[in-house]
Amino acid sequence: MPRVKDCLRNPANLQAAMGYYRALFDPARFGLPTATGEQDSIWGRPIPQLTLYLHGTRDGCIALDAEAAQAVLAYLGPGSKVEQIEGVGHFMLVERPSEINSKILQFLGKGS
């Protein structure tokens, strides 16, 4: 977290990072049928490939309980896997790189 804070101390970096979220959640359009339809057309398409979806239980950016996490499977290809990682936040590869990389390698068939 200290590295993230250091990166965001520069006003230009902070503006760029916040601009991403402002573009996604424009308050003037958020929740309106047209904006919801646009988002559904982008995010609503299933991914046909085999996919590993990992989500931290302490993700402060994207709230997803166990039931919602399992619902993600409906958008993923056959044989896909959804796993919540207990105690991990939004940046799981920074928080627990060895554990997360191990899960990815196992999924890819390269782990023990």
PDB file of N, CA and C in Angstrom:
ATOM      1  N   MET A   1       0.796  -1.193   0.000  1.00  0.00           N
ATOM      2  CA  MET A   1       0.000   0.000   0.000  1.00  0.00           C
ATOM      3  C   MET A   1       0.854   1.279   0.000  1.00  0.00           C
ATOM      4  N   PRO A   2       2.006   1.281   0.697  1.00  0.00           N
ATOM      5  CA  PRO A   2       2.835   2.489   0.642  1.00  0.00           C
ATOM      6  C   PRO A   2       3.269   2.846  -0.783  1.00  0.00           C
ATOM      7  N   ARG A   3       3.565   1.839  -1.610  1.00  0.00           N
ATOM      8  CA  ARG A   3       3.961   2.118  -2.998  1.00  0.00           C
ATOM      9  C   ARG A   3       2.813   2.726  -3.791  1.00  0.00           C
ATOM     10  N   VAL A   4       1.612   2.225  -3.550  1.00  0.00           N
ATOM     11  CA  VAL A   4       0.438   2.773  -4.235  1.00  0.00           C
ATOM     12  C   VAL A   4       0.255   4.230  -3.843  1.00  0.00           C
ATOM     13  N   LYS A   5       0.343   4.506  -2.558  1.00  0.00           N
ATOM     14  CA  LYS A   5       0.186   5.881  -2.084  1.00  0.00           C
ATOM     15  C   LYS A   5       1.257   6.789  -2.676  1.00  0.00           C
ATOM     16  N   ASP A   6       2.493   6.299  -2.751  1.00  0.00           N
ATOM     17  CA  ASP A   6       3.568   7.094  -3.339  1.00  0.00           C
ATOM     18  C   ASP A   6       3.273   7.436  -4.798  1.00  0.00           C
ATOM     19  N   CYS A   7       2.748   6.471  -5.523  1.00  0.00           N
ATOM     20  CA  CYS A   7       2.423   6.703  -6.935  1.00  0.00           C
ATOM     21  C   CYS A   7       1.307   7.729  -7.097  1.00  0.00           C
ATOM     22  N   LEU A   8       0.373   7.742  -6.175  1.00  0.00           N
ATOM     23  CA  LEU A   8      -0.780   8.628  -6.297  1.00  0.00           C
ATOM     24  C   LEU A   8      -0.555  10.017  -5.691  1.00  0.00           C
ATOM     25  N   ARG A   9       0.601  10.247  -5.084  1.00  0.00           N
ATOM     26  CA  ARG A   9       0.896  11.569  -4.521  1.00  0.00           C
ATOM     27  C   ARG A   9       1.054  12.617  -5.624  1.00  0.00           C
ATOM     28  N   ASN A  10       1.558  12.207  -6.761  1.00  0.00           N
ATOM     29  CA  ASN A  10       1.684  13.116  -7.897  1.00  0.00           C
ATOM     30  C   ASN A  10       0.272  13.435  -8.403  1.00  0.00           C
ATOM     31  N   PRO A  11      -0.122  14.712  -8.415  1.00  0.00           N
ATOM     32  CA  PRO A  11      -1.485  15.068  -8.821  1.00  0.00           C
ATOM     33  C   PRO A  11      -1.884  14.548 -10.211  1.00  0.00           C
ATOM     34  N   ALA A  12      -0.956  14.503 -11.129  1.00  0.00           N
ATOM     35  CA  ALA A  12      -1.274  14.004 -12.475  1.00  0.00           C
ATOM     36  C   ALA A  12      -1.598  12.510 -12.435  1.00  0.00           C
ATOM     37  N   ASN A  13      -0.860  11.753 -11.629  1.00  0.00           N
ATOM     38  CA  ASN A  13      -1.128  10.319 -11.496  1.00  0.00           C
ATOM     39  C   ASN A  13      -2.474  10.074 -10.833  1.00  0.00           C
ATOM     40  N   LEU A  14      -2.763  10.837  -9.790  1.00  0.00           N
ATOM     41  CA  LEU A  14      -4.042  10.702  -9.094  1.00  0.00           C
ATOM     42  C   LEU A  14      -5.195  11.038 -10.035  1.00  0.00           C
ATOM     43  N   GLN A  15      -5.035  12.108 -10.806  1.00  0.00           N
ATOM     44  CA  GLN A  15      -6.088  12.499 -11.756  1.00  0.00           C
ATOM     45  C   GLN A  15      -6.319  11.404 -12.794  1.00  0.00           C
ATOM     46  N   ALA A  16      -5.262  10.797 -13.298  1.00  0.00           N
ATOM     47  CA  ALA A  16      -5.405   9.720 -14.281  1.00  0.00           C
ATOM     48  C   ALA A  16      -6.099   8.506 -13.679  1.00  0.00           C
ATOM     49  N   ALA A  17      -5.707   8.142 -12.459  1.00  0.00           N
ATOM     50  CA  ALA A  17      -6.313   6.985 -11.804  1.00  0.00           C
ATOM     51  C   ALA A  17      -7.793   7.234 -11.516  1.00  0.00           C
ATOM     52  N   MET A  18      -8.120   8.389 -11.010  1.00  0.00           N
ATOM     53  CA  MET A  18      -9.517   8.703 -10.695  1.00  0.00           C
ATOM     54  C   MET A  18     -10.343   8.886 -11.969  1.00  0.00           C
ATOM     55  N   GLY A  19      -9.715   9.382 -13.026  1.00  0.00           N
ATOM     56  CA  GLY A  19     -10.424   9.565 -14.296  1.00  0.00           C
ATOM     57  C   GLY A  19     -10.975   8.256 -14.835  1.00  0.00           C
ATOM     58  N   TYR A  20     -10.256   7.180 -14.623  1.00  0.00           N
ATOM     59  CA  TYR A  20     -10.708   5.858 -15.060  1.00  0.00           C
ATOM     60  C   TYR A  20     -12.047   5.524 -14.401  1.00  0.00           C
ATOM     61  N   TYR A  21     -12.121   5.715 -13.095  1.00  0.00           N
ATOM     62  CA  TYR A  21     -13.349   5.384 -12.363  1.00  0.00           C
ATOM     63  C   TYR A  21     -14.470   6.378 -12.661  1.00  0.00           C
ATOM     64  N   ARG A  22     -14.114   7.623 -12.844  1.00  0.00           N
ATOM     65  CA  ARG A  22     -15.139   8.610 -13.191  1.00  0.00           C
ATOM     66  C   ARG A  22     -15.763   8.287 -14.544  1.00  0.00           C
ATOM     67  N   ALA A  23     -14.966   7.805 -15.461  1.00  0.00           N
ATOM     68  CA  ALA A  23     -15.495   7.447 -16.786  1.00  0.00           C
ATOM     69  C   ALA A  23     -16.432   6.240 -16.694  1.00  0.00           C
ATOM     70  N   LEU A  24     -16.122   5.311 -15.806  1.00  0.00           N
ATOM     71  CA  LEU A  24     -16.965   4.127 -15.639  1.00  0.00           C
ATOM     72  C   LEU A  24     -18.279   4.446 -14.944  1.00  0.00           C
ATOM     73  N   PHE A  25     -18.225   5.361 -13.991  1.00  0.00           N
ATOM     74  CA  PHE A  25     -19.388   5.634 -13.155  1.00  0.00           C
ATOM     75  C   PHE A  25     -19.772   7.109 -13.228  1.00  0.00           C
ATOM     76  N   ASP A  26     -20.078   7.578 -14.411  1.00  0.00           N
ATOM     77  CA  ASP A  26     -20.494   8.953 -14.614  1.00  0.00           C
ATOM     78  C   ASP A  26     -21.787   9.195 -13.837  1.00  0.00           C
ATOM     79  N   PRO A  27     -21.760  10.035 -12.793  1.00  0.00           N
ATOM     80  CA  PRO A  27     -22.948  10.230 -11.959  1.00  0.00           C
ATOM     81  C   PRO A  27     -24.162  10.722 -12.741  1.00  0.00           C
ATOM     82  N   ALA A  28     -23.930  11.458 -13.824  1.00  0.00           N
ATOM     83  CA  ALA A  28     -25.051  11.965 -14.618  1.00  0.00           C
ATOM     84  C   ALA A  28     -25.776  10.842 -15.364  1.00  0.00           C
ATOM     85  N   ARG A  29     -25.093   9.713 -15.554  1.00  0.00           N
ATOM     86  CA  ARG A  29     -25.672   8.610 -16.332  1.00  0.00           C
ATOM     87  C   ARG A  29     -25.856   7.328 -15.531  1.00  0.00           C
ATOM     88  N   PHE A  30     -25.199   7.239 -14.376  1.00  0.00           N
ATOM     89  CA  PHE A  30     -25.190   5.990 -13.620  1.00  0.00           C
ATOM     90  C   PHE A  30     -26.603   5.546 -13.259  1.00  0.00           C
ATOM     91  N   GLY A  31     -26.924   4.316 -13.577  1.00  0.00           N
ATOM     92  CA  GLY A  31     -28.223   3.756 -13.258  1.00  0.00           C
ATOM     93  C   GLY A  31     -29.308   4.023 -14.276  1.00  0.00           C
ATOM     94  N   LEU A  32     -29.048   4.889 -15.255  1.00  0.00           N
ATOM     95  CA  LEU A  32     -30.047   5.153 -16.294  1.00  0.00           C
ATOM     96  C   LEU A  32     -30.110   3.975 -17.259  1.00  0.00           C
ATOM     97  N   PRO A  33     -31.267   3.721 -17.852  1.00  0.00           N
ATOM     98  CA  PRO A  33     -31.404   2.575 -18.764  1.00  0.00           C
ATOM     99  C   PRO A  33     -30.384   2.557 -19.904  1.00  0.00           C
ATOM    100  N   THR A  34     -30.075   3.717 -20.483  1.00  0.00           N
ATOM    101  CA  THR A  34     -29.099   3.721 -21.583  1.00  0.00           C
ATOM    102  C   THR A  34     -27.711   3.329 -21.104  1.00  0.00           C
ATOM    103  N   ALA A  35     -27.308   3.862 -19.942  1.00  0.00           N
ATOM    104  CA  ALA A  35     -25.984   3.523 -19.404  1.00  0.00           C
ATOM    105  C   ALA A  35     -25.932   2.064 -18.983  1.00  0.00           C
ATOM    106  N   THR A  36     -26.996   1.572 -18.379  1.00  0.00           N
ATOM    107  CA  THR A  36     -27.056   0.163 -17.969  1.00  0.00           C
ATOM    108  C   THR A  36     -26.987  -0.740 -19.196  1.00  0.00           C
ATOM    109  N   GLY A  37     -27.694  -0.377 -20.257  1.00  0.00           N
ATOM    110  CA  GLY A  37     -27.655  -1.154 -21.503  1.00  0.00           C
ATOM    111  C   GLY A  37     -26.273  -1.190 -22.113  1.00  0.00           C
ATOM    112  N   GLU A  38     -25.581  -0.054 -22.085  1.00  0.00           N
ATOM    113  CA  GLU A  38     -24.209  -0.008 -22.601  1.00  0.00           C
ATOM    114  C   GLU A  38     -23.299  -0.921 -21.793  1.00  0.00           C
ATOM    115  N   GLN A  39     -23.451  -0.852 -20.474  1.00  0.00           N
ATOM    116  CA  GLN A  39     -22.600  -1.684 -19.618  1.00  0.00           C
ATOM    117  C   GLN A  39     -22.913  -3.163 -19.830  1.00  0.00           C
ATOM    118  N   ASP A  40     -24.183  -3.502 -19.940  1.00  0.00           N
ATOM    119  CA  ASP A  40     -24.559  -4.898 -20.194  1.00  0.00           C
ATOM    120  C   ASP A  40     -23.990  -5.396 -21.510  1.00  0.00           C
ATOM    121  N   SER A  41     -23.982  -4.532 -22.525  1.00  0.00           N
ATOM    122  CA  SER A  41     -23.465  -4.978 -23.820  1.00  0.00           C
ATOM    123  C   SER A  41     -21.963  -5.228 -23.764  1.00  0.00           C
ATOM    124  N   ILE A  42     -21.277  -4.529 -22.877  1.00  0.00           N
ATOM    125  CA  ILE A  42     -19.830  -4.725 -22.735  1.00  0.00           C
ATOM    126  C   ILE A  42     -19.523  -5.895 -21.820  1.00  0.00           C
ATOM    127  N   TRP A  43     -20.160  -5.922 -20.645  1.00  0.00           N
ATOM    128  CA  TRP A  43     -19.832  -6.899 -19.618  1.00  0.00           C
ATOM    129  C   TRP A  43     -20.700  -8.139 -19.647  1.00  0.00           C
ATOM    130  N   GLY A  44     -21.817  -8.090 -20.354  1.00  0.00           N
ATOM    131  CA  GLY A  44     -22.763  -9.185 -20.272  1.00  0.00           C
ATOM    132  C   GLY A  44     -22.499 -10.370 -21.168  1.00  0.00           C
ATOM    133  N   ARG A  45     -21.511 -10.279 -22.035  1.00  0.00           N
ATOM    134  CA  ARG A  45     -21.227 -11.393 -22.939  1.00  0.00           C
ATOM    135  C   ARG A  45     -20.438 -12.485 -22.218  1.00  0.00           C
ATOM    136  N   PRO A  46     -20.890 -13.703 -22.323  1.00  0.00           N
ATOM    137  CA  PRO A  46     -20.131 -14.798 -21.700  1.00  0.00           C
ATOM    138  C   PRO A  46     -18.744 -14.964 -22.335  1.00  0.00           C
ATOM    139  N   ILE A  47     -17.814 -15.432 -21.542  1.00  0.00           N
ATOM    140  CA  ILE A  47     -16.469 -15.748 -22.023  1.00  0.00           C
ATOM    141  C   ILE A  47     -16.472 -17.241 -22.336  1.00  0.00           C
ATOM    142  N   PRO A  48     -16.292 -17.643 -23.582  1.00  0.00           N
ATOM    143  CA  PRO A  48     -16.391 -19.066 -23.910  1.00  0.00           C
ATOM    144  C   PRO A  48     -15.189 -19.908 -23.453  1.00  0.00           C
ATOM    145  N   GLN A  49     -14.059 -19.267 -23.191  1.00  0.00           N
ATOM    146  CA  GLN A  49     -12.849 -19.999 -22.824  1.00  0.00           C
ATOM    147  C   GLN A  49     -12.883 -20.451 -21.365  1.00  0.00           C
ATOM    148  N   LEU A  50     -12.150 -21.492 -21.101  1.00  0.00           N
ATOM    149  CA  LEU A  50     -11.906 -21.960 -19.740  1.00  0.00           C
ATOM    150  C   LEU A  50     -11.228 -20.819 -18.976  1.00  0.00           C
ATOM    151  N   THR A  51     -11.772 -20.471 -17.826  1.00  0.00           N
ATOM    152  CA  THR A  51     -11.305 -19.287 -17.109  1.00  0.00           C
ATOM    153  C   THR A  51     -11.173 -19.563 -15.614  1.00  0.00           C
ATOM    154  N   LEU A  52     -10.141 -18.992 -15.023  1.00  0.00           N
ATOM    155  CA  LEU A  52      -9.985 -18.996 -13.572  1.00  0.00           C
ATOM    156  C   LEU A  52     -10.304 -17.589 -13.092  1.00  0.00           C
ATOM    157  N   TYR A  53     -11.320 -17.462 -12.248  1.00  0.00           N
ATOM    158  CA  TYR A  53     -11.700 -16.166 -11.700  1.00  0.00           C
ATOM    159  C   TYR A  53     -11.404 -16.177 -10.208  1.00  0.00           C
ATOM    160  N   LEU A  54     -10.455 -15.359  -9.802  1.00  0.00           N
ATOM    161  CA  LEU A  54     -10.086 -15.245  -8.388  1.00  0.00           C
ATOM    162  C   LEU A  54     -10.562 -13.895  -7.876  1.00  0.00           C
ATOM    163  N   HIS A  55     -11.112 -13.901  -6.659  1.00  0.00           N
ATOM    164  CA  HIS A  55     -11.633 -12.655  -6.091  1.00  0.00           C
ATOM    165  C   HIS A  55     -11.360 -12.645  -4.594  1.00  0.00           C
ATOM    166  N   GLY A  56     -10.786 -11.561  -4.110  1.00  0.00           N
ATOM    167  CA  GLY A  56     -10.481 -11.443  -2.688  1.00  0.00           C
ATOM    168  C   GLY A  56     -11.709 -11.129  -1.855  1.00  0.00           C
ATOM    169  N   THR A  57     -11.808 -11.760  -0.697  1.00  0.00           N
ATOM    170  CA  THR A  57     -12.952 -11.519   0.184  1.00  0.00           C
ATOM    171  C   THR A  57     -12.903 -10.128   0.812  1.00  0.00           C
ATOM    172  N   ARG A  58     -11.751  -9.486   0.747  1.00  0.00           N
ATOM    173  CA  ARG A  58     -11.614  -8.138   1.307  1.00  0.00           C
ATOM    174  C   ARG A  58     -11.435  -7.095   0.213  1.00  0.00           C
ATOM    175  N   ASP A  59     -11.907  -7.394  -0.981  1.00  0.00           N
ATOM    176  CA  ASP A  59     -11.809  -6.457  -2.097  1.00  0.00           C
ATOM    177  C   ASP A  59     -12.697  -5.250  -1.810  1.00  0.00           C
ATOM    178  N   GLY A  60     -12.079  -4.109  -1.603  1.00  0.00           N
ATOM    179  CA  GLY A  60     -12.828  -2.895  -1.302  1.00  0.00           C
ATOM    180  C   GLY A  60     -13.313  -2.171  -2.535  1.00  0.00           C
ATOM    181  N   CYS A  61     -12.912  -2.627  -3.719  1.00  0.00           N
ATOM    182  CA  CYS A  61     -13.336  -1.980  -4.965  1.00  0.00           C
ATOM    183  C   CYS A  61     -14.561  -2.651  -5.565  1.00  0.00           C
ATOM    184  N   ILE A  62     -14.567  -3.974  -5.548  1.00  0.00           N
ATOM    185  CA  ILE A  62     -15.657  -4.728  -6.155  1.00  0.00           C
ATOM    186  C   ILE A  62     -16.198  -5.691  -5.107  1.00  0.00           C
ATOM    187  N   ALA A  63     -17.343  -5.339  -4.539  1.00  0.00           N
ATOM    188  CA  ALA A  63     -17.947  -6.180  -3.501  1.00  0.00           C
ATOM    189  C   ALA A  63     -18.593  -7.394  -4.158  1.00  0.00           C
ATOM    190  N   LEU A  64     -18.255  -8.560  -3.674  1.00  0.00           N
ATOM    191  CA  LEU A  64     -18.776  -9.799  -4.241  1.00  0.00           C
ATOM    192  C   LEU A  64     -18.869 -10.828  -3.126  1.00  0.00           C
ATOM    193  N   ASP A  65     -20.088 -11.185  -2.730  1.00  0.00           N
ATOM    194  CA  ASP A  65     -20.222 -12.216  -1.710  1.00  0.00           C
ATOM    195  C   ASP A  65     -20.120 -13.590  -2.361  1.00  0.00           C
ATOM    196  N   ALA A  66     -20.166 -14.641  -1.559  1.00  0.00           N
ATOM    197  CA  ALA A  66     -19.968 -16.007  -2.069  1.00  0.00           C
ATOM    198  C   ALA A  66     -21.008 -16.364  -3.123  1.00  0.00           C
ATOM    199  N   GLU A  67     -22.245 -15.952  -2.912  1.00  0.00           N
ATOM    200  CA  GLU A  67     -23.310 -16.270  -3.872  1.00  0.00           C
ATOM    201  C   GLU A  67     -23.078 -15.557  -5.203  1.00  0.00           C
ATOM    202  N   ALA A  68     -22.728 -14.284  -5.145  1.00  0.00           N
ATOM    203  CA  ALA A  68     -22.461 -13.528  -6.372  1.00  0.00           C
ATOM    204  C   ALA A  68     -21.225 -14.070  -7.090  1.00  0.00           C
ATOM    205  N   ALA A  69     -20.226 -14.478  -6.322  1.00  0.00           N
ATOM    206  CA  ALA A  69     -19.019 -15.044  -6.933  1.00  0.00           C
ATOM    207  C   ALA A  69     -19.362 -16.303  -7.737  1.00  0.00           C
ATOM    208  N   GLN A  70     -20.191 -17.156  -7.168  1.00  0.00           N
ATOM    209  CA  GLN A  70     -20.576 -18.377  -7.885  1.00  0.00           C
ATOM    210  C   GLN A  70     -21.427 -18.073  -9.108  1.00  0.00           C
ATOM    211  N   ALA A  71     -22.172 -16.960  -9.071  1.00  0.00           N
ATOM    212  CA  ALA A  71     -22.984 -16.564 -10.223  1.00  0.00           C
ATOM    213  C   ALA A  71     -22.116 -16.182 -11.421  1.00  0.00           C
ATOM    214  N   VAL A  72     -20.864 -15.811 -11.158  1.00  0.00           N
ATOM    215  CA  VAL A  72     -19.929 -15.468 -12.232  1.00  0.00           C
ATOM    216  C   VAL A  72     -19.733 -16.663 -13.176  1.00  0.00           C
ATOM    217  N   LEU A  73     -19.838 -17.876 -12.632  1.00  0.00           N
ATOM    218  CA  LEU A  73     -19.641 -19.090 -13.445  1.00  0.00           C
ATOM    219  C   LEU A  73     -20.541 -19.128 -14.676  1.00  0.00           C
ATOM    220  N   ALA A  74     -21.720 -18.536 -14.580  1.00  0.00           N
ATOM    221  CA  ALA A  74     -22.651 -18.535 -15.707  1.00  0.00           C
ATOM    222  C   ALA A  74     -22.096 -17.761 -16.901  1.00  0.00           C
ATOM    223  N   TYR A  75     -21.101 -16.912 -16.678  1.00  0.00           N
ATOM    224  CA  TYR A  75     -20.512 -16.100 -17.750  1.00  0.00           C
ATOM    225  C   TYR A  75     -19.187 -16.655 -18.249  1.00  0.00           C
ATOM    226  N   LEU A  76     -18.790 -17.807 -17.729  1.00  0.00           N
ATOM    227  CA  LEU A  76     -17.486 -18.378 -18.077  1.00  0.00           C
ATOM    228  C   LEU A  76     -17.654 -19.697 -18.819  1.00  0.00           C
ATOM    229  N   GLY A  77     -16.639 -20.071 -19.561  1.00  0.00           N
ATOM    230  CA  GLY A  77     -16.678 -21.297 -20.342  1.00  0.00           C
ATOM    231  C   GLY A  77     -16.748 -22.552 -19.486  1.00  0.00           C
ATOM    232  N   PRO A  78     -17.112 -23.655 -20.115  1.00  0.00           N
ATOM    233  CA  PRO A  78     -17.216 -24.947 -19.414  1.00  0.00           C
ATOM    234  C   PRO A  78     -15.905 -25.299 -18.710  1.00  0.00           C
ATOM    235  N   GLY A  79     -16.029 -25.827 -17.493  1.00  0.00           N
ATOM    236  CA  GLY A  79     -14.852 -26.240 -16.729  1.00  0.00           C
ATOM    237  C   GLY A  79     -14.154 -25.110 -16.000  1.00  0.00           C
ATOM    238  N   SER A  80     -14.693 -23.897 -16.093  1.00  0.00           N
ATOM    239  CA  SER A  80     -14.084 -22.746 -15.425  1.00  0.00           C
ATOM    240  C   SER A  80     -14.197 -22.886 -13.917  1.00  0.00           C
ATOM    241  N   LYS A  81     -13.426 -22.068 -13.216  1.00  0.00           N
ATOM    242  CA  LYS A  81     -13.403 -22.138 -11.759  1.00  0.00           C
ATOM    243  C   LYS A  81     -13.467 -20.728 -11.182  1.00  0.00           C
ATOM    244  N   VAL A  82     -14.274 -20.570 -10.142  1.00  0.00           N
ATOM    245  CA  VAL A  82     -14.362 -19.321  -9.393  1.00  0.00           C
ATOM    246  C   VAL A  82     -13.922 -19.618  -7.972  1.00  0.00           C
ATOM    247  N   GLU A  83     -13.008 -18.810  -7.473  1.00  0.00           N
ATOM    248  CA  GLU A  83     -12.532 -19.023  -6.104  1.00  0.00           C
ATOM    249  C   GLU A  83     -12.365 -17.689  -5.408  1.00  0.00           C
ATOM    250  N   GLN A  84     -12.914 -17.600  -4.211  1.00  0.00           N
ATOM    251  CA  GLN A  84     -12.683 -16.434  -3.374  1.00  0.00           C
ATOM    252  C   GLN A  84     -11.470 -16.710  -2.499  1.00  0.00           C
ATOM    253  N   ILE A  85     -10.586 -15.740  -2.433  1.00  0.00           N
ATOM    254  CA  ILE A  85      -9.373 -15.871  -1.630  1.00  0.00           C
ATOM    255  C   ILE A  85      -9.587 -15.115  -0.322  1.00  0.00           C
ATOM    256  N   GLU A  86      -9.634 -15.855   0.762  1.00  0.00           N
ATOM    257  CA  GLU A  86      -9.924 -15.293   2.085  1.00  0.00           C
ATOM    258  C   GLU A  86      -8.858 -14.293   2.517  1.00  0.00           C
ATOM    259  N   GLY A  87      -9.315 -13.120   2.961  1.00  0.00           N
ATOM    260  CA  GLY A  87      -8.422 -12.127   3.535  1.00  0.00           C
ATOM    261  C   GLY A  87      -7.612 -11.316   2.548  1.00  0.00           C
ATOM    262  N   VAL A  88      -7.899 -11.456   1.266  1.00  0.00           N
ATOM    263  CA  VAL A  88      -7.140 -10.743   0.239  1.00  0.00           C
ATOM    264  C   VAL A  88      -8.009  -9.638  -0.342  1.00  0.00           C
ATOM    265  N   GLY A  89      -7.384  -8.517  -0.672  1.00  0.00           N
ATOM    266  CA  GLY A  89      -8.102  -7.383  -1.240  1.00  0.00           C
ATOM    267  C   GLY A  89      -8.056  -7.358  -2.758  1.00  0.00           C
ATOM    268  N   HIS A  90      -8.110  -6.159  -3.307  1.00  0.00           N
ATOM    269  CA  HIS A  90      -8.214  -5.947  -4.753  1.00  0.00           C
ATOM    270  C   HIS A  90      -6.898  -6.261  -5.487  1.00  0.00           C
ATOM    271  N   PHE A  91      -5.777  -6.133  -4.807  1.00  0.00           N
ATOM    272  CA  PHE A  91      -4.479  -6.337  -5.449  1.00  0.00           C
ATOM    273  C   PHE A  91      -3.838  -7.626  -4.939  1.00  0.00           C
ATOM    274  N   MET A  92      -4.501  -8.727  -5.180  1.00  0.00           N
ATOM    275  CA  MET A  92      -4.088 -10.006  -4.601  1.00  0.00           C
ATOM    276  C   MET A  92      -2.686 -10.439  -5.024  1.00  0.00           C
ATOM    277  N   LEU A  93      -2.281 -10.109  -6.232  1.00  0.00           N
ATOM    278  CA  LEU A  93      -0.937 -10.496  -6.672  1.00  0.00           C
ATOM    279  C   LEU A  93       0.151  -9.725  -5.929  1.00  0.00           C
ATOM    280  N   VAL A  94      -0.192  -8.556  -5.421  1.00  0.00           N
ATOM    281  CA  VAL A  94       0.756  -7.788  -4.620  1.00  0.00           C
ATOM    282  C   VAL A  94       0.731  -8.308  -3.182  1.00  0.00           C
ATOM    283  N   GLU A  95      -0.461  -8.635  -2.698  1.00  0.00           N
ATOM    284  CA  GLU A  95      -0.626  -9.056  -1.317  1.00  0.00           C
ATOM    285  C   GLU A  95      -0.066 -10.454  -1.051  1.00  0.00           C
ATOM    286  N   ARG A  96      -0.336 -11.383  -1.959  1.00  0.00           N
ATOM    287  CA  ARG A  96       0.104 -12.769  -1.774  1.00  0.00           C
ATOM    288  C   ARG A  96       0.563 -13.367  -3.109  1.00  0.00           C
ATOM    289  N   PRO A  97       1.663 -12.872  -3.632  1.00  0.00           N
ATOM    290  CA  PRO A  97       2.096 -13.313  -4.960  1.00  0.00           C
ATOM    291  C   PRO A  97       2.339 -14.811  -5.090  1.00  0.00           C
ATOM    292  N   SER A  98       2.971 -15.423  -4.107  1.00  0.00           N
ATOM    293  CA  SER A  98       3.277 -16.860  -4.206  1.00  0.00           C
ATOM    294  C   SER A  98       2.005 -17.695  -4.238  1.00  0.00           C
ATOM    295  N   GLU A  99       1.064 -17.382  -3.348  1.00  0.00           N
ATOM    296  CA  GLU A  99      -0.186 -18.142  -3.284  1.00  0.00           C
ATOM    297  C   GLU A  99      -1.000 -17.985  -4.574  1.00  0.00           C
ATOM    298  N   ILE A 100      -1.121 -16.758  -5.049  1.00  0.00           N
ATOM    299  CA  ILE A 100      -1.938 -16.495  -6.244  1.00  0.00           C
ATOM    300  C   ILE A 100      -1.281 -17.107  -7.474  1.00  0.00           C
ATOM    301  N   ASN A 101       0.022 -16.941  -7.626  1.00  0.00           N
ATOM    302  CA  ASN A 101       0.716 -17.544  -8.761  1.00  0.00           C
ATOM    303  C   ASN A 101       0.603 -19.059  -8.735  1.00  0.00           C
ATOM    304  N   SER A 102       0.666 -19.643  -7.551  1.00  0.00           N
ATOM    305  CA  SER A 102       0.522 -21.090  -7.421  1.00  0.00           C
ATOM    306  C   SER A 102      -0.860 -21.539  -7.910  1.00  0.00           C
ATOM    307  N   LYS A 103      -1.905 -20.801  -7.543  1.00  0.00           N
ATOM    308  CA  LYS A 103      -3.263 -21.142  -7.984  1.00  0.00           C
ATOM    309  C   LYS A 103      -3.386 -21.038  -9.500  1.00  0.00           C
ATOM    310  N   ILE A 104      -2.776 -20.011 -10.068  1.00  0.00           N
ATOM    311  CA  ILE A 104      -2.819 -19.834 -11.522  1.00  0.00           C
ATOM    312  C   ILE A 104      -2.081 -20.972 -12.217  1.00  0.00           C
ATOM    313  N   LEU A 105      -0.895 -21.307 -11.729  1.00  0.00           N
ATOM    314  CA  LEU A 105      -0.124 -22.390 -12.340  1.00  0.00           C
ATOM    315  C   LEU A 105      -0.837 -23.730 -12.216  1.00  0.00           C
ATOM    316  N   GLN A 106      -1.461 -23.974 -11.068  1.00  0.00           N
ATOM    317  CA  GLN A 106      -2.242 -25.218 -10.912  1.00  0.00           C
ATOM    318  C   GLN A 106      -3.368 -25.264 -11.917  1.00  0.00           C
ATOM    319  N   PHE A 107      -4.059 -24.160 -12.086  1.00  0.00           N
ATOM    320  CA  PHE A 107      -5.170 -24.096 -13.025  1.00  0.00           C
ATOM    321  C   PHE A 107      -4.691 -24.366 -14.459  1.00  0.00           C
ATOM    322  N   LEU A 108      -3.523 -23.855 -14.764  1.00  0.00           N
ATOM    323  CA  LEU A 108      -2.957 -24.048 -16.106  1.00  0.00           C
ATOM    324  C   LEU A 108      -2.340 -25.440 -16.282  1.00  0.00           C
ATOM    325  N   GLY A 109      -2.346 -26.232 -15.212  1.00  0.00           N
ATOM    326  CA  GLY A 109      -1.816 -27.575 -15.291  1.00  0.00           C
ATOM    327  C   GLY A 109      -0.317 -27.653 -15.142  1.00  0.00           C
ATOM    328  N   LYS A 110       0.279 -26.579 -14.605  1.00  0.00           N
ATOM    329  CA  LYS A 110       1.726 -26.560 -14.463  1.00  0.00           C
ATOM    330  C   LYS A 110       2.150 -26.636 -13.010  1.00  0.00           C
ATOM    331  N   GLY A 111       1.178 -26.774 -12.115  1.00  0.00           N
ATOM    332  CA  GLY A 111       1.493 -26.819 -10.685  1.00  0.00           C
ATOM    333  C   GLY A 111       1.399 -28.234 -10.152  1.00  0.00           C
ATOM    334  N   SER A 112       1.800 -28.351  -8.904  1.00  0.00           N
ATOM    335  CA  SER A 112       1.758 -29.682  -8.293  1.00  0.00           C
ATOM    336  C   SER A 112       0.416 -29.934  -7.647  1.00  0.00           C
TER     337      SER A 112
END
